[in-house]
Amino acid sequence: MKFKISASVAAVLFTLIAPIASAGPLTSRLESGAAIRIGFANSPPYAFVGPGGEPAGFMNAYVITLLKKMGFTQIEVVTSDFSGLIPALQASRIDIVTSGLYIKKDRCNTIAFTAPMLKTADALLVPKGNPKGLQNYEDIAKKSATMTAVVGYATIDSAKKFGVPPDRIMQLPDGPSVLAAVRSGRADAAANSDLSLQAQAKGAEGSVEVTDSSKMPESTFNWVAFGFRKNDSDFVSKFNAAQKEFLGSPEMLSAVAPFGYTEKQLPGSTLLEWVCENR
């Protein structure tokens, strides 16, 4: 026996089925009562584990506050080396990368970014007095200096772009290792975002200083966002809609203020599509 479905019935069925078909794995997990798993490396002031074991840093404060406004209060924390975060996301061991990912063209091809939530600039961490006079990547290249950065950081590719050879870039697993390399003289400079380096310098007992980020080429200015899986685009759309009202609000600025994020770091009107294409 054959059954026919009228156009009106088919339309109703499509309406009912379409949301289910388009729901990504994160939406499906949340509908089953699961928690949202945020993943980050210990990289103050962006994201780190607080003294009581809680997720701290302005990225975590931002995302947890926004998710609660969206109605999601169950949060699980997964920490990792920075280089392991995107693989963990792709393997579905975490749902959101909150470590302060620079939006880069190659990353845009791999994961789904939210709209930008911060604009930042690279800088260098150097020994007190900046004995080699290093202000940017070109200085490192021209003066045969050695730099260090955390494995997987975008600053490594930026340094190579401006002529620093790979054999003079020391890649280390985390921020404390990078700081130790500069303080011990094993590296002449460390490259990271200005915000991260300022936080490191505060705890270094005056042994290091941070260069002026305005001395860096304009092309090294970066935008930061949260990272999701590509097939969670439905949730990313909802997140972006909520962020549009949240970003720059008094509530948002209050949540991130303890970690050094101010109105100066707001991303402006730059669109994700432009950043993905040009960075």
Protein backbone atom coordinates (compact mmCIF):
# COMPACT_ATOMS: atom_id res chain seq x y z
CA MET A 1 0.00 0.00 0.00
CA LYS A 2 1.25 3.46 -0.90
CA PHE A 3 0.72 6.54 1.23
CA LYS A 4 0.55 10.10 -0.03
CA ILE A 5 1.39 13.12 2.08
CA SER A 6 -0.33 16.37 1.23
CA ALA A 7 1.73 19.52 0.76
CA SER A 8 0.34 21.02 3.98
CA VAL A 9 1.16 17.92 6.03
CA ALA A 10 4.63 17.76 4.48
CA ALA A 11 5.24 21.35 5.46
CA VAL A 12 4.28 20.62 9.06
CA LEU A 13 6.51 17.56 9.15
CA PHE A 14 9.43 19.53 7.71
CA THR A 15 8.94 22.24 10.36
CA LEU A 16 9.04 19.61 13.10
CA ILE A 17 11.98 17.69 11.69
CA ALA A 18 14.18 20.58 10.54
CA PRO A 19 15.18 21.83 14.01
CA ILE A 20 16.12 18.31 15.03
CA ALA A 21 18.16 17.75 11.87
CA SER A 22 20.00 21.06 12.23
CA ALA A 23 20.81 20.68 15.93
CA GLY A 24 24.53 20.22 16.54
CA PRO A 25 26.09 17.84 19.05
CA LEU A 26 26.33 20.50 21.77
CA THR A 27 22.62 21.32 21.51
CA SER A 28 21.81 17.61 21.62
CA ARG A 29 23.97 17.14 24.72
CA LEU A 30 22.35 20.09 26.47
CA GLU A 31 18.86 18.82 25.66
CA SER A 32 19.82 15.54 27.36
CA GLY A 33 20.78 17.42 30.52
CA ALA A 34 24.55 17.35 30.07
CA ALA A 35 26.84 20.18 31.20
CA ILE A 36 28.79 22.50 28.90
CA ARG A 37 32.48 21.59 29.01
CA ILE A 38 34.81 24.59 28.78
CA GLY A 39 38.46 23.91 28.00
CA PHE A 40 41.43 26.17 28.64
CA ALA A 41 45.13 26.28 29.36
CA ASN A 42 46.50 28.13 32.38
CA SER A 43 47.25 31.46 30.71
CA PRO A 44 46.52 34.45 32.98
CA PRO A 45 44.76 36.80 32.68
CA TYR A 46 42.77 35.13 29.88
CA ALA A 47 41.93 31.82 31.54
CA PHE A 48 43.37 29.91 34.46
CA VAL A 49 42.46 27.84 37.51
CA GLY A 50 41.76 30.06 40.50
CA PRO A 51 43.04 29.48 44.04
CA GLY A 52 39.91 27.53 44.97
CA GLY A 53 39.98 25.40 41.81
CA GLU A 54 37.41 27.58 40.06
CA PRO A 55 37.69 28.73 36.42
CA ALA A 56 39.21 32.23 36.55
CA GLY A 57 40.41 34.84 34.06
CA PHE A 58 38.39 37.27 31.99
CA MET A 59 37.56 34.77 29.23
CA ASN A 60 36.03 32.36 31.74
CA ALA A 61 34.28 35.13 33.68
CA TYR A 62 32.83 36.42 30.40
CA VAL A 63 31.63 33.10 29.02
CA ILE A 64 30.20 31.77 32.29
CA THR A 65 28.26 34.98 32.88
CA LEU A 66 26.93 34.98 29.32
CA LEU A 67 25.99 31.29 29.37
CA LYS A 68 24.05 31.84 32.60
CA LYS A 69 22.15 34.68 30.91
CA MET A 70 21.35 32.19 28.13
CA GLY A 71 20.00 29.75 30.73
CA PHE A 72 22.95 27.35 30.95
CA THR A 73 24.30 26.96 34.47
CA GLN A 74 25.91 23.51 34.38
CA ILE A 75 29.59 24.03 33.57
CA GLU A 76 32.40 21.46 33.59
CA VAL A 77 36.06 22.48 33.43
CA VAL A 78 38.76 20.71 31.41
CA THR A 79 42.33 22.01 31.46
CA SER A 80 44.99 21.21 28.87
CA ASP A 81 48.21 22.42 27.33
CA PHE A 82 47.36 25.17 24.86
CA SER A 83 48.39 23.04 21.88
CA GLY A 84 45.93 20.34 22.92
CA LEU A 85 42.82 22.52 23.07
CA ILE A 86 41.71 22.46 19.44
CA PRO A 87 42.36 18.70 19.12
CA ALA A 88 40.28 18.21 22.31
CA LEU A 89 37.50 20.30 20.80
CA GLN A 90 37.54 18.35 17.55
CA ALA A 91 37.53 15.06 19.48
CA SER A 92 34.45 16.25 21.44
CA ARG A 93 36.24 16.13 24.78
CA ILE A 94 35.32 19.79 25.31
CA ASP A 95 32.60 22.03 23.88
CA ILE A 96 34.12 25.53 24.03
CA VAL A 97 37.73 26.75 24.00
CA THR A 98 37.94 29.66 26.44
CA SER A 99 41.70 30.22 26.38
CA GLY A 100 41.62 33.39 24.32
CA LEU A 101 42.22 32.07 20.81
CA TYR A 102 43.44 34.58 18.25
CA ILE A 103 41.16 34.42 15.22
CA LYS A 104 43.43 33.20 12.41
CA LYS A 105 42.66 32.12 8.86
CA ASP A 106 43.95 28.59 9.39
CA ARG A 107 41.95 28.23 12.60
CA CYS A 108 38.83 29.56 10.88
CA ASN A 109 39.16 26.66 8.44
CA THR A 110 39.25 24.19 11.34
CA ILE A 111 36.85 25.44 14.00
CA ALA A 112 33.90 27.82 14.36
CA PHE A 113 34.62 31.12 16.08
CA THR A 114 32.12 33.36 17.78
CA ALA A 115 32.07 37.04 16.90
CA PRO A 116 35.17 38.83 18.30
CA MET A 117 35.02 39.82 21.96
CA LEU A 118 38.45 41.46 22.35
CA LYS A 119 41.14 43.23 20.34
CA THR A 120 44.72 42.87 21.48
CA ALA A 121 48.28 43.47 20.39
CA ASP A 122 51.48 41.46 20.56
CA ALA A 123 54.36 42.65 22.71
CA LEU A 124 57.68 41.30 23.96
CA LEU A 125 58.75 40.32 27.44
CA VAL A 126 62.43 41.22 27.87
CA PRO A 127 64.96 41.41 30.72
CA LYS A 128 64.81 44.58 32.79
CA GLY A 129 66.35 47.45 30.84
CA ASN A 130 65.82 45.65 27.51
CA PRO A 131 69.59 45.16 26.97
CA LYS A 132 69.25 44.20 23.28
CA GLY A 133 66.80 46.99 22.46
CA LEU A 134 64.13 44.65 21.12
CA GLN A 135 60.77 46.23 20.28
CA ASN A 136 59.29 43.94 17.64
CA TYR A 137 59.82 40.80 15.56
CA GLU A 138 61.97 42.59 13.00
CA ASP A 139 64.38 43.61 15.78
CA ILE A 140 64.64 39.98 16.88
CA ALA A 141 65.44 38.94 13.31
CA LYS A 142 67.97 41.73 12.61
CA LYS A 143 69.79 41.48 15.93
CA SER A 144 70.16 37.68 15.85
CA ALA A 145 68.23 37.43 19.08
CA THR A 146 66.45 34.34 20.39
CA MET A 147 62.78 34.42 21.34
CA THR A 148 60.44 32.03 23.06
CA ALA A 149 56.69 31.40 22.98
CA VAL A 150 54.23 28.75 24.10
CA VAL A 151 53.73 25.87 21.66
CA GLY A 152 50.80 26.60 19.35
CA TYR A 153 50.73 30.37 19.94
CA ALA A 154 50.06 32.58 16.91
CA THR A 155 53.09 34.69 17.83
CA ILE A 156 55.34 31.93 16.48
CA ASP A 157 53.96 32.30 12.96
CA SER A 158 54.06 36.10 13.26
CA ALA A 159 57.74 35.99 14.20
CA LYS A 160 58.55 33.75 11.23
CA LYS A 161 56.65 36.11 8.93
CA PHE A 162 58.95 38.96 9.95
CA GLY A 163 62.13 36.99 9.42
CA VAL A 164 62.88 35.22 12.70
CA PRO A 165 64.27 31.80 11.72
CA PRO A 166 62.68 28.74 13.35
CA ASP A 167 65.96 27.71 14.99
CA ARG A 168 65.87 30.94 17.03
CA ILE A 169 62.33 30.37 18.31
CA MET A 170 62.24 28.31 21.49
CA GLN A 171 58.81 26.69 21.83
CA LEU A 172 57.90 25.80 25.42
CA PRO A 173 54.82 24.16 26.97
CA ASP A 174 53.45 27.00 29.13
CA GLY A 175 53.77 30.56 30.39
CA PRO A 176 55.92 29.82 33.46
CA SER A 177 58.47 27.99 31.27
CA VAL A 178 58.58 30.96 28.89
CA LEU A 179 59.10 33.44 31.74
CA ALA A 180 61.85 31.27 33.21
CA ALA A 181 63.65 31.17 29.86
CA VAL A 182 63.76 34.98 29.68
CA ARG A 183 64.76 35.42 33.33
CA SER A 184 67.57 32.88 33.02
CA GLY A 185 68.91 34.38 29.77
CA ARG A 186 68.15 31.31 27.65
CA ALA A 187 65.92 33.55 25.51
CA ASP A 188 66.29 37.26 24.77
CA ALA A 189 62.54 37.84 24.58
CA ALA A 190 59.15 36.15 24.86
CA ALA A 191 56.28 36.98 22.52
CA ASN A 192 52.65 36.99 23.59
CA SER A 193 49.70 39.35 23.88
CA ASP A 194 50.32 42.53 25.81
CA LEU A 195 47.73 41.56 28.43
CA SER A 196 49.34 38.19 29.14
CA LEU A 197 52.85 39.62 29.38
CA GLN A 198 51.76 42.41 31.72
CA ALA A 199 50.32 39.76 34.05
CA GLN A 200 53.55 37.75 33.92
CA ALA A 201 55.72 40.79 34.56
CA LYS A 202 53.79 41.66 37.72
CA GLY A 203 54.88 38.42 39.34
CA ALA A 204 58.49 38.52 38.18
CA GLU A 205 59.89 40.74 40.97
CA GLY A 206 61.06 43.46 38.60
CA SER A 207 63.37 41.18 36.62
CA VAL A 208 61.54 41.68 33.32
CA GLU A 209 59.55 44.35 31.49
CA VAL A 210 57.03 44.51 28.65
CA THR A 211 57.73 46.44 25.47
CA ASP A 212 55.35 49.01 23.97
CA SER A 213 52.86 47.06 21.85
CA SER A 214 52.45 50.06 19.52
CA LYS A 215 55.98 49.32 18.22
CA MET A 216 54.68 46.11 16.69
CA PRO A 217 53.47 46.11 13.05
CA GLU A 218 49.74 46.76 12.61
CA SER A 219 49.36 43.32 11.08
CA THR A 220 50.16 41.74 14.45
CA PHE A 221 47.08 43.24 16.11
CA ASN A 222 44.65 40.42 16.76
CA TRP A 223 41.05 39.71 17.65
CA VAL A 224 40.05 37.08 20.17
CA ALA A 225 36.96 34.87 20.33
CA PHE A 226 35.64 31.59 21.71
CA GLY A 227 36.13 28.41 19.70
CA PHE A 228 33.42 25.83 18.91
CA ARG A 229 33.15 22.80 16.65
CA LYS A 230 32.03 23.54 13.10
CA ASN A 231 28.93 21.37 13.50
CA ASP A 232 27.77 23.42 16.51
CA SER A 233 26.96 26.41 14.32
CA ASP A 234 23.38 26.47 15.63
CA PHE A 235 24.64 27.11 19.17
CA VAL A 236 27.22 29.63 17.95
CA SER A 237 24.39 31.64 16.34
CA LYS A 238 22.52 31.73 19.66
CA PHE A 239 25.71 32.65 21.50
CA ASN A 240 26.42 35.51 19.08
CA ALA A 241 22.89 36.85 19.47
CA ALA A 242 23.27 36.91 23.25
CA GLN A 243 26.78 38.37 23.02
CA LYS A 244 25.52 41.25 20.89
CA GLU A 245 23.57 42.56 23.89
CA PHE A 246 26.20 41.56 26.47
CA LEU A 247 29.44 42.85 24.95
CA GLY A 248 30.40 46.20 26.44
CA SER A 249 27.50 46.25 28.89
CA PRO A 250 28.04 47.29 32.54
CA GLU A 251 27.37 43.69 33.59
CA MET A 252 30.02 42.35 31.22
CA LEU A 253 32.63 44.96 32.16
CA SER A 254 32.02 44.28 35.84
CA ALA A 255 32.54 40.53 35.35
CA VAL A 256 35.90 40.92 33.57
CA ALA A 257 37.30 43.94 35.42
CA PRO A 258 39.09 41.90 38.14
CA PHE A 259 41.26 40.36 35.42
CA GLY A 260 42.32 43.54 33.65
CA TYR A 261 39.88 43.67 30.73
CA THR A 262 38.65 47.24 30.21
CA GLU A 263 36.75 49.19 27.56
CA LYS A 264 40.09 49.65 25.76
CA GLN A 265 40.05 45.95 24.81
CA LEU A 266 36.58 45.98 23.22
CA PRO A 267 36.81 44.70 19.62
CA GLY A 268 35.00 47.53 17.89
CA SER A 269 32.93 46.89 14.77
CA THR A 270 35.37 44.47 13.10
CA LEU A 271 33.53 41.46 11.67
CA LEU A 272 34.60 37.85 12.12
CA GLU A 273 34.60 37.31 8.35
CA TRP A 274 37.15 40.11 7.84
CA VAL A 275 39.43 38.78 10.57
CA CYS A 276 39.27 35.23 9.20
CA GLU A 277 40.26 36.50 5.77
CA ASN A 278 42.97 38.97 6.82
CA ARG A 279 44.61 37.35 9.84
